């Protein structure tokens, strides 16, 4: 679908917006040449739970809901197979984003995150996913920096398949 969209974009002179957020980019939860295709990524530096909060806030302004409530409340899914949900392969975003914010934006290592009360298996898994996903983040379209630490600008890891920060 990415190639088709890019073809239409080139034909009509439009720019495709990539829809990935910081939570998905952090753990590599995107498909290269699929949902990662585009020329600009407006929400790439915003965590999933923060996007939901922003969407609810936007809908509360002006008396008319602009963002369909179903897109906020529906269980997130990559929609790669029938009935699939993100929670089938990822922790709940509320929990995932807490760990990601500590690891990425606060630069706290896994040992200290675990010591602060998070489950060791969860933290180890999330950190491994983040460390392995650098190659996908490097191929992602540019977008605005709105957080203290943005991928590609403030945080870059080696692009090897076995390197781990922790």
N, C-alpha and C. Protein backbone atom coordinates (compact mmCIF):
# COMPACT_ATOMS: atom_id res chain seq x y z
N UNK A 1 0.82 -1.19 0.00
CA UNK A 1 0.00 0.00 0.00
C UNK A 1 0.86 1.25 0.00
N UNK A 2 2.05 1.18 0.59
CA UNK A 2 2.95 2.32 0.61
C UNK A 2 3.38 2.74 -0.79
N UNK A 3 3.71 1.78 -1.62
CA UNK A 3 4.12 2.08 -3.00
C UNK A 3 2.98 2.72 -3.78
N UNK A 4 1.78 2.22 -3.58
CA UNK A 4 0.61 2.78 -4.26
C UNK A 4 0.39 4.23 -3.83
N UNK A 5 0.46 4.48 -2.53
CA UNK A 5 0.28 5.85 -2.03
C UNK A 5 1.35 6.79 -2.57
N UNK A 6 2.60 6.32 -2.58
CA UNK A 6 3.68 7.16 -3.10
C UNK A 6 3.48 7.44 -4.58
N UNK A 7 3.03 6.46 -5.34
CA UNK A 7 2.75 6.66 -6.76
C UNK A 7 1.68 7.73 -6.97
N UNK A 8 0.60 7.63 -6.21
CA UNK A 8 -0.47 8.63 -6.30
C UNK A 8 0.03 10.00 -5.85
N UNK A 9 0.84 10.02 -4.83
CA UNK A 9 1.40 11.27 -4.33
C UNK A 9 2.24 11.95 -5.40
N UNK A 10 3.09 11.19 -6.05
CA UNK A 10 3.94 11.75 -7.10
C UNK A 10 3.10 12.23 -8.28
N UNK A 11 2.11 11.46 -8.64
CA UNK A 11 1.26 11.78 -9.78
C UNK A 11 0.47 13.07 -9.55
N UNK A 12 0.02 13.27 -8.33
CA UNK A 12 -0.85 14.41 -8.03
C UNK A 12 -0.14 15.57 -7.34
N UNK A 13 1.14 15.39 -7.02
CA UNK A 13 1.88 16.46 -6.37
C UNK A 13 1.50 16.70 -4.92
N UNK A 14 1.12 15.64 -4.24
CA UNK A 14 0.74 15.73 -2.83
C UNK A 14 1.84 15.14 -1.95
N UNK A 15 1.79 15.46 -0.68
CA UNK A 15 2.74 14.92 0.29
C UNK A 15 2.00 13.96 1.21
N UNK A 16 2.52 12.76 1.35
CA UNK A 16 1.91 11.77 2.24
C UNK A 16 2.39 12.02 3.66
N UNK A 17 1.46 11.97 4.59
CA UNK A 17 1.79 12.09 6.00
C UNK A 17 1.89 10.70 6.61
N UNK A 18 3.03 10.40 7.23
CA UNK A 18 3.20 9.14 7.95
C UNK A 18 2.49 9.27 9.29
N UNK A 19 1.84 8.21 9.73
CA UNK A 19 0.97 8.30 10.90
C UNK A 19 1.55 7.71 12.18
N UNK A 20 2.79 7.27 12.16
CA UNK A 20 3.38 6.66 13.34
C UNK A 20 3.63 7.66 14.45
N UNK A 21 3.49 7.18 15.68
CA UNK A 21 3.74 8.02 16.85
C UNK A 21 5.01 7.55 17.55
N UNK A 22 5.41 8.26 18.59
CA UNK A 22 6.68 7.96 19.27
C UNK A 22 6.66 6.60 19.95
N UNK A 23 5.52 6.17 20.45
CA UNK A 23 5.44 4.85 21.08
C UNK A 23 5.76 3.77 20.06
N UNK A 24 5.10 3.85 18.90
CA UNK A 24 5.30 2.85 17.85
C UNK A 24 6.73 2.91 17.30
N UNK A 25 7.23 4.11 17.07
CA UNK A 25 8.60 4.24 16.56
C UNK A 25 9.63 3.73 17.56
N UNK A 26 9.35 3.94 18.83
CA UNK A 26 10.28 3.50 19.88
C UNK A 26 10.54 2.00 19.82
N UNK A 27 9.47 1.24 19.65
CA UNK A 27 9.59 -0.22 19.71
C UNK A 27 9.58 -0.89 18.34
N UNK A 28 9.63 -0.09 17.28
CA UNK A 28 9.68 -0.65 15.93
C UNK A 28 8.35 -1.19 15.44
N UNK A 29 7.26 -0.68 16.00
CA UNK A 29 5.93 -1.17 15.64
C UNK A 29 5.40 -0.42 14.42
N UNK A 30 6.08 -0.62 13.31
CA UNK A 30 5.66 -0.02 12.04
C UNK A 30 6.19 -0.91 10.92
N UNK A 31 5.61 -0.74 9.75
CA UNK A 31 6.02 -1.53 8.60
C UNK A 31 6.72 -0.63 7.60
N UNK A 32 8.01 -0.90 7.36
CA UNK A 32 8.72 -0.12 6.36
C UNK A 32 8.02 -0.28 5.01
N UNK A 33 7.89 0.81 4.30
CA UNK A 33 7.23 0.84 2.99
C UNK A 33 5.74 0.53 3.10
N UNK A 34 5.22 0.57 4.31
CA UNK A 34 3.79 0.40 4.58
C UNK A 34 3.32 1.65 5.30
N UNK A 35 2.98 1.51 6.59
CA UNK A 35 2.52 2.68 7.33
C UNK A 35 3.64 3.67 7.64
N UNK A 36 4.88 3.28 7.40
CA UNK A 36 6.01 4.18 7.63
C UNK A 36 6.33 5.05 6.41
N UNK A 37 5.60 4.85 5.33
CA UNK A 37 5.86 5.61 4.11
C UNK A 37 5.33 7.04 4.27
N UNK A 38 5.99 7.97 3.63
CA UNK A 38 5.50 9.35 3.65
C UNK A 38 6.63 10.35 3.52
N UNK A 39 6.25 11.61 3.42
CA UNK A 39 7.21 12.69 3.29
C UNK A 39 7.36 13.50 4.56
N UNK A 40 6.39 13.38 5.47
CA UNK A 40 6.42 14.12 6.72
C UNK A 40 5.65 13.33 7.76
N UNK A 41 6.14 13.35 9.00
CA UNK A 41 5.53 12.58 10.09
C UNK A 41 5.16 13.53 11.23
N UNK A 42 3.95 14.09 11.20
CA UNK A 42 3.59 15.14 12.16
C UNK A 42 3.51 14.71 13.62
N UNK A 43 3.28 13.42 13.90
CA UNK A 43 3.13 12.99 15.30
C UNK A 43 4.24 12.05 15.75
N UNK A 44 5.34 11.99 15.02
CA UNK A 44 6.40 11.02 15.32
C UNK A 44 7.08 11.26 16.66
N UNK A 45 6.95 12.45 17.24
CA UNK A 45 7.61 12.75 18.50
C UNK A 45 6.61 12.89 19.65
N UNK A 46 5.43 12.29 19.48
CA UNK A 46 4.40 12.34 20.52
C UNK A 46 3.98 10.91 20.87
N UNK A 47 4.04 10.58 22.16
CA UNK A 47 3.65 9.24 22.61
C UNK A 47 2.15 9.01 22.40
N UNK A 48 1.79 7.76 22.23
CA UNK A 48 0.41 7.36 21.93
C UNK A 48 -0.59 7.91 22.96
N UNK A 49 -0.30 7.75 24.25
CA UNK A 49 -1.25 8.22 25.27
C UNK A 49 -1.41 9.74 25.21
N UNK A 50 -0.36 10.44 24.84
CA UNK A 50 -0.44 11.90 24.72
C UNK A 50 -1.27 12.29 23.49
N UNK A 51 -1.19 11.50 22.43
CA UNK A 51 -2.02 11.76 21.25
C UNK A 51 -3.50 11.60 21.61
N UNK A 52 -3.82 10.55 22.36
CA UNK A 52 -5.21 10.37 22.79
C UNK A 52 -5.68 11.56 23.63
N UNK A 53 -4.80 12.02 24.54
CA UNK A 53 -5.17 13.18 25.37
C UNK A 53 -5.38 14.43 24.50
N UNK A 54 -4.49 14.64 23.55
CA UNK A 54 -4.64 15.79 22.64
C UNK A 54 -5.93 15.69 21.82
N UNK A 55 -6.25 14.49 21.36
CA UNK A 55 -7.46 14.30 20.57
C UNK A 55 -8.71 14.59 21.41
N UNK A 56 -8.72 14.11 22.65
CA UNK A 56 -9.87 14.39 23.52
C UNK A 56 -9.98 15.89 23.81
N UNK A 57 -8.82 16.52 24.06
CA UNK A 57 -8.82 17.96 24.30
C UNK A 57 -9.37 18.70 23.08
N UNK A 58 -8.90 18.34 21.89
CA UNK A 58 -9.35 19.02 20.67
C UNK A 58 -10.86 18.87 20.49
N UNK A 59 -11.36 17.68 20.77
CA UNK A 59 -12.80 17.45 20.63
C UNK A 59 -13.61 18.23 21.66
N UNK A 60 -13.01 18.58 22.78
CA UNK A 60 -13.73 19.33 23.81
C UNK A 60 -13.80 20.82 23.49
N UNK A 61 -13.06 21.28 22.51
CA UNK A 61 -13.02 22.69 22.14
C UNK A 61 -14.05 22.99 21.05
N UNK A 62 -14.74 24.08 21.17
CA UNK A 62 -15.59 24.56 20.10
C UNK A 62 -16.92 23.86 19.91
N UNK A 63 -17.26 22.92 20.78
CA UNK A 63 -18.58 22.31 20.71
C UNK A 63 -18.77 21.21 19.68
N UNK A 64 -17.82 21.00 18.80
CA UNK A 64 -17.98 19.96 17.78
C UNK A 64 -16.76 19.05 17.79
N UNK A 65 -17.02 17.74 17.87
CA UNK A 65 -15.93 16.77 17.84
C UNK A 65 -15.40 16.66 16.41
N UNK A 66 -14.15 16.99 16.23
CA UNK A 66 -13.50 16.94 14.92
C UNK A 66 -12.89 15.56 14.68
N UNK A 67 -12.34 14.99 15.73
CA UNK A 67 -11.67 13.69 15.63
C UNK A 67 -12.69 12.61 16.01
N UNK A 68 -12.94 11.65 15.12
CA UNK A 68 -13.92 10.61 15.42
C UNK A 68 -13.59 9.90 16.74
N UNK A 69 -14.57 9.83 17.63
CA UNK A 69 -14.36 9.23 18.95
C UNK A 69 -13.91 7.78 18.83
N UNK A 70 -14.35 7.08 17.80
CA UNK A 70 -13.95 5.70 17.60
C UNK A 70 -12.43 5.59 17.40
N UNK A 71 -11.83 6.58 16.77
CA UNK A 71 -10.38 6.52 16.56
C UNK A 71 -9.61 6.72 17.86
N UNK A 72 -10.27 7.26 18.87
CA UNK A 72 -9.64 7.46 20.18
C UNK A 72 -9.91 6.26 21.09
N UNK A 73 -11.11 5.72 21.05
CA UNK A 73 -11.51 4.69 22.00
C UNK A 73 -11.35 3.26 21.49
N UNK A 74 -11.28 3.08 20.19
CA UNK A 74 -11.12 1.74 19.62
C UNK A 74 -9.76 1.16 20.03
N UNK A 75 -9.73 -0.13 20.31
CA UNK A 75 -8.46 -0.78 20.66
C UNK A 75 -7.48 -0.60 19.50
N UNK A 76 -6.27 -0.09 19.78
CA UNK A 76 -5.29 0.13 18.71
C UNK A 76 -4.93 -1.17 18.00
N UNK A 77 -4.73 -1.07 16.69
CA UNK A 77 -4.38 -2.24 15.89
C UNK A 77 -3.56 -1.83 14.68
N UNK A 78 -2.55 -2.64 14.37
CA UNK A 78 -1.79 -2.45 13.14
C UNK A 78 -2.59 -2.93 11.94
N UNK A 79 -3.66 -3.67 12.20
CA UNK A 79 -4.58 -4.18 11.18
C UNK A 79 -3.87 -5.00 10.11
N UNK A 80 -2.90 -5.79 10.55
CA UNK A 80 -2.19 -6.66 9.62
C UNK A 80 -2.88 -8.01 9.48
N UNK A 81 -3.77 -8.33 10.44
CA UNK A 81 -4.55 -9.57 10.34
C UNK A 81 -5.89 -9.33 11.04
N UNK A 82 -6.92 -10.09 10.68
CA UNK A 82 -8.25 -9.90 11.28
C UNK A 82 -8.22 -10.08 12.80
N UNK A 83 -8.85 -9.15 13.50
CA UNK A 83 -8.95 -9.25 14.95
C UNK A 83 -7.69 -8.90 15.71
N UNK A 84 -6.65 -8.52 15.03
CA UNK A 84 -5.38 -8.19 15.70
C UNK A 84 -5.52 -6.90 16.50
N UNK A 85 -4.88 -6.88 17.67
CA UNK A 85 -4.80 -5.68 18.49
C UNK A 85 -3.34 -5.47 18.87
N UNK A 86 -2.95 -4.23 19.06
CA UNK A 86 -1.57 -3.94 19.47
C UNK A 86 -1.23 -4.65 20.78
N UNK A 87 -2.22 -4.76 21.67
CA UNK A 87 -1.99 -5.39 22.98
C UNK A 87 -1.69 -6.88 22.87
N UNK A 88 -1.87 -7.47 21.69
CA UNK A 88 -1.48 -8.87 21.49
C UNK A 88 0.03 -9.03 21.53
N UNK A 89 0.76 -7.98 21.15
CA UNK A 89 2.22 -8.10 21.09
C UNK A 89 2.95 -7.00 21.85
N UNK A 90 2.23 -6.02 22.35
CA UNK A 90 2.84 -4.93 23.11
C UNK A 90 2.13 -4.77 24.45
N UNK A 91 2.84 -4.22 25.45
CA UNK A 91 2.15 -3.88 26.70
C UNK A 91 1.09 -2.80 26.44
N UNK A 92 0.16 -2.65 27.35
CA UNK A 92 -0.81 -1.57 27.29
C UNK A 92 -0.05 -0.25 27.13
N UNK A 93 -0.54 0.65 26.29
CA UNK A 93 0.19 1.89 26.00
C UNK A 93 0.41 2.76 27.23
N UNK A 94 -0.51 2.76 28.17
CA UNK A 94 -0.30 3.54 29.40
C UNK A 94 0.98 3.08 30.10
N UNK A 95 1.16 1.78 30.20
CA UNK A 95 2.35 1.21 30.84
C UNK A 95 3.57 1.35 29.94
N UNK A 96 3.43 1.01 28.68
CA UNK A 96 4.54 1.10 27.73
C UNK A 96 5.11 2.51 27.70
N UNK A 97 4.25 3.51 27.60
CA UNK A 97 4.73 4.89 27.50
C UNK A 97 5.43 5.36 28.76
N UNK A 98 5.02 4.86 29.92
CA UNK A 98 5.73 5.20 31.15
C UNK A 98 7.18 4.73 31.09
N UNK A 99 7.36 3.47 30.68
CA UNK A 99 8.72 2.91 30.57
C UNK A 99 9.51 3.65 29.49
N UNK A 100 8.89 3.90 28.35
CA UNK A 100 9.58 4.59 27.26
C UNK A 100 10.02 5.99 27.66
N UNK A 101 9.17 6.71 28.37
CA UNK A 101 9.54 8.07 28.79
C UNK A 101 10.75 8.05 29.72
N UNK A 102 10.79 7.08 30.62
CA UNK A 102 11.94 6.97 31.52
C UNK A 102 13.21 6.61 30.74
N UNK A 103 13.10 5.62 29.87
CA UNK A 103 14.27 5.12 29.14
C UNK A 103 14.77 6.11 28.08
N UNK A 104 13.86 6.70 27.34
CA UNK A 104 14.25 7.55 26.22
C UNK A 104 14.42 9.01 26.64
N UNK A 105 13.41 9.58 27.25
CA UNK A 105 13.44 11.01 27.52
C UNK A 105 14.18 11.37 28.81
N UNK A 106 14.17 10.47 29.78
CA UNK A 106 14.90 10.74 31.03
C UNK A 106 16.27 10.08 31.04
N UNK A 107 16.54 9.24 30.03
CA UNK A 107 17.82 8.54 29.89
C UNK A 107 18.16 7.70 31.14
N UNK A 108 17.15 7.04 31.67
CA UNK A 108 17.33 6.18 32.84
C UNK A 108 17.53 4.76 32.35
N UNK A 109 18.56 4.09 32.86
CA UNK A 109 18.84 2.74 32.38
C UNK A 109 17.85 1.72 32.96
N UNK A 110 17.84 0.55 32.36
CA UNK A 110 16.87 -0.49 32.71
C UNK A 110 16.93 -0.86 34.19
N UNK A 111 18.12 -0.96 34.74
CA UNK A 111 18.28 -1.35 36.15
C UNK A 111 17.55 -0.37 37.07
N UNK A 112 17.68 0.91 36.80
CA UNK A 112 17.03 1.92 37.64
C UNK A 112 15.52 1.96 37.40
N UNK A 113 15.10 1.70 36.18
CA UNK A 113 13.65 1.66 35.90
C UNK A 113 13.02 0.49 36.68
N UNK A 114 13.69 -0.65 36.66
CA UNK A 114 13.21 -1.83 37.41
C UNK A 114 13.20 -1.52 38.91
N UNK A 115 14.25 -0.88 39.40
CA UNK A 115 14.34 -0.54 40.82
C UNK A 115 13.23 0.42 41.24
N UNK A 116 12.70 1.19 40.29
CA UNK A 116 11.62 2.13 40.63
C UNK A 116 10.26 1.45 40.71
N UNK A 117 10.22 0.12 40.44
CA UNK A 117 8.98 -0.63 40.64
C UNK A 117 8.39 -1.30 39.42
N UNK A 118 9.01 -1.16 38.27
CA UNK A 118 8.49 -1.81 37.06
C UNK A 118 8.97 -3.25 36.98
N UNK A 119 8.16 -4.09 36.38
CA UNK A 119 8.47 -5.51 36.20
C UNK A 119 9.72 -5.68 35.34
N UNK A 120 10.66 -6.51 35.80
CA UNK A 120 11.93 -6.71 35.11
C UNK A 120 11.73 -7.25 33.69
N UNK A 121 10.89 -8.25 33.53
CA UNK A 121 10.67 -8.83 32.20
C UNK A 121 10.11 -7.79 31.24
N UNK A 122 9.19 -6.98 31.71
CA UNK A 122 8.61 -5.93 30.89
C UNK A 122 9.67 -4.92 30.46
N UNK A 123 10.44 -4.43 31.41
CA UNK A 123 11.47 -3.42 31.10
C UNK A 123 12.51 -3.99 30.16
N UNK A 124 12.99 -5.20 30.44
CA UNK A 124 13.99 -5.81 29.56
C UNK A 124 13.47 -5.96 28.14
N UNK A 125 12.22 -6.35 28.01
CA UNK A 125 11.62 -6.52 26.67
C UNK A 125 11.49 -5.18 25.95
N UNK A 126 11.00 -4.17 26.65
CA UNK A 126 10.82 -2.85 26.04
C UNK A 126 12.16 -2.26 25.62
N UNK A 127 13.15 -2.35 26.48
CA UNK A 127 14.49 -1.82 26.16
C UNK A 127 15.08 -2.55 24.95
N UNK A 128 14.92 -3.85 24.90
CA UNK A 128 15.42 -4.62 23.75
C UNK A 128 14.72 -4.19 22.46
N UNK A 129 13.41 -3.99 22.52
CA UNK A 129 12.67 -3.54 21.34
C UNK A 129 13.16 -2.17 20.87
N UNK A 130 13.36 -1.26 21.80
CA UNK A 130 13.85 0.08 21.45
C UNK A 130 15.23 -0.02 20.80
N UNK A 131 16.11 -0.78 21.41
CA UNK A 131 17.48 -0.87 20.90
C UNK A 131 17.53 -1.51 19.51
N UNK A 132 16.64 -2.46 19.24
CA UNK A 132 16.64 -3.15 17.94
C UNK A 132 15.97 -2.34 16.83
N UNK A 133 15.21 -1.33 17.16
CA UNK A 133 14.38 -0.65 16.15
C UNK A 133 15.04 0.57 15.52
N UNK A 134 16.30 0.82 15.83
CA UNK A 134 16.95 2.03 15.30
C UNK A 134 16.92 2.09 13.78
N UNK A 135 17.12 0.97 13.11
CA UNK A 135 17.15 0.99 11.65
C UNK A 135 15.82 1.46 11.05
N UNK A 136 14.72 1.13 11.72
CA UNK A 136 13.42 1.60 11.23
C UNK A 136 13.27 3.10 11.46
N UNK A 137 13.72 3.56 12.62
CA UNK A 137 13.59 4.99 12.92
C UNK A 137 14.41 5.83 11.95
N UNK A 138 15.58 5.33 11.53
CA UNK A 138 16.42 6.09 10.61
C UNK A 138 15.78 6.24 9.24
N UNK A 139 14.88 5.33 8.88
CA UNK A 139 14.23 5.39 7.57
C UNK A 139 12.89 6.13 7.62
N UNK A 140 12.49 6.55 8.80
CA UNK A 140 11.20 7.21 8.95
C UNK A 140 11.28 8.65 8.45
N UNK A 141 10.19 9.19 7.93
CA UNK A 141 10.19 10.57 7.44
C UNK A 141 10.47 11.57 8.56
N UNK A 142 10.93 12.76 8.20
CA UNK A 142 11.17 13.79 9.22
C UNK A 142 9.85 14.29 9.80
N UNK A 143 9.95 14.90 10.97
CA UNK A 143 8.78 15.47 11.62
C UNK A 143 9.22 16.48 12.66
N UNK A 144 8.29 17.16 13.28
CA UNK A 144 8.65 18.19 14.26
C UNK A 144 9.19 17.59 15.56
N UNK A 145 10.08 18.32 16.19
CA UNK A 145 10.58 17.95 17.52
C UNK A 145 9.73 18.71 18.54
N UNK A 146 9.01 17.97 19.37
CA UNK A 146 8.17 18.61 20.38
C UNK A 146 8.47 18.13 21.79
N UNK A 147 9.35 17.16 21.92
CA UNK A 147 9.69 16.61 23.24
C UNK A 147 11.14 16.94 23.58
N UNK A 148 11.53 16.69 24.81
CA UNK A 148 12.93 16.96 25.19
C UNK A 148 13.94 16.13 24.40
N UNK A 149 13.59 14.90 24.07
CA UNK A 149 14.50 14.00 23.34
C UNK A 149 13.75 13.42 22.14
N UNK A 150 14.18 13.80 20.95
CA UNK A 150 13.55 13.30 19.73
C UNK A 150 14.49 12.33 19.03
N UNK A 151 13.92 11.27 18.46
CA UNK A 151 14.73 10.33 17.69
C UNK A 151 15.31 11.04 16.47
N UNK A 152 16.56 10.70 16.16
CA UNK A 152 17.21 11.25 14.99
C UNK A 152 17.90 12.56 15.23
N UNK A 153 17.47 13.30 16.23
CA UNK A 153 18.09 14.58 16.54
C UNK A 153 18.88 14.48 17.85
N UNK A 154 18.24 13.98 18.87
CA UNK A 154 18.83 13.94 20.20
C UNK A 154 19.26 12.55 20.64
N UNK A 155 18.75 11.53 20.00
CA UNK A 155 19.03 10.16 20.43
C UNK A 155 19.20 9.28 19.21
N UNK A 156 20.39 8.74 19.07
CA UNK A 156 20.70 7.83 17.97
C UNK A 156 21.49 6.66 18.54
N UNK A 157 21.14 5.47 18.08
CA UNK A 157 21.82 4.25 18.50
C UNK A 157 22.50 3.63 17.29
N UNK A 158 23.47 2.75 17.53
CA UNK A 158 24.07 2.03 16.40
C UNK A 158 23.00 1.19 15.68
N UNK A 159 23.18 1.05 14.37
CA UNK A 159 22.22 0.28 13.57
C UNK A 159 22.74 -1.12 13.31
N UNK A 160 22.90 -1.88 14.36
CA UNK A 160 23.31 -3.28 14.21
C UNK A 160 22.24 -4.15 14.83
N UNK A 161 22.13 -5.36 14.36
CA UNK A 161 21.04 -6.22 14.83
C UNK A 161 21.26 -6.78 16.23
N UNK A 162 22.48 -6.76 16.72
CA UNK A 162 22.72 -7.37 18.04
C UNK A 162 23.19 -6.40 19.11
N UNK A 163 23.40 -5.16 18.77
CA UNK A 163 23.85 -4.19 19.76
C UNK A 163 22.72 -3.87 20.73
N UNK A 164 23.04 -3.79 22.01
CA UNK A 164 22.07 -3.40 23.03
C UNK A 164 22.71 -2.37 23.94
N UNK A 165 21.94 -1.36 24.31
CA UNK A 165 22.46 -0.33 25.20
C UNK A 165 22.58 -0.87 26.62
N UNK A 166 21.67 -1.75 27.01
CA UNK A 166 21.70 -2.28 28.38
C UNK A 166 21.95 -3.76 28.37
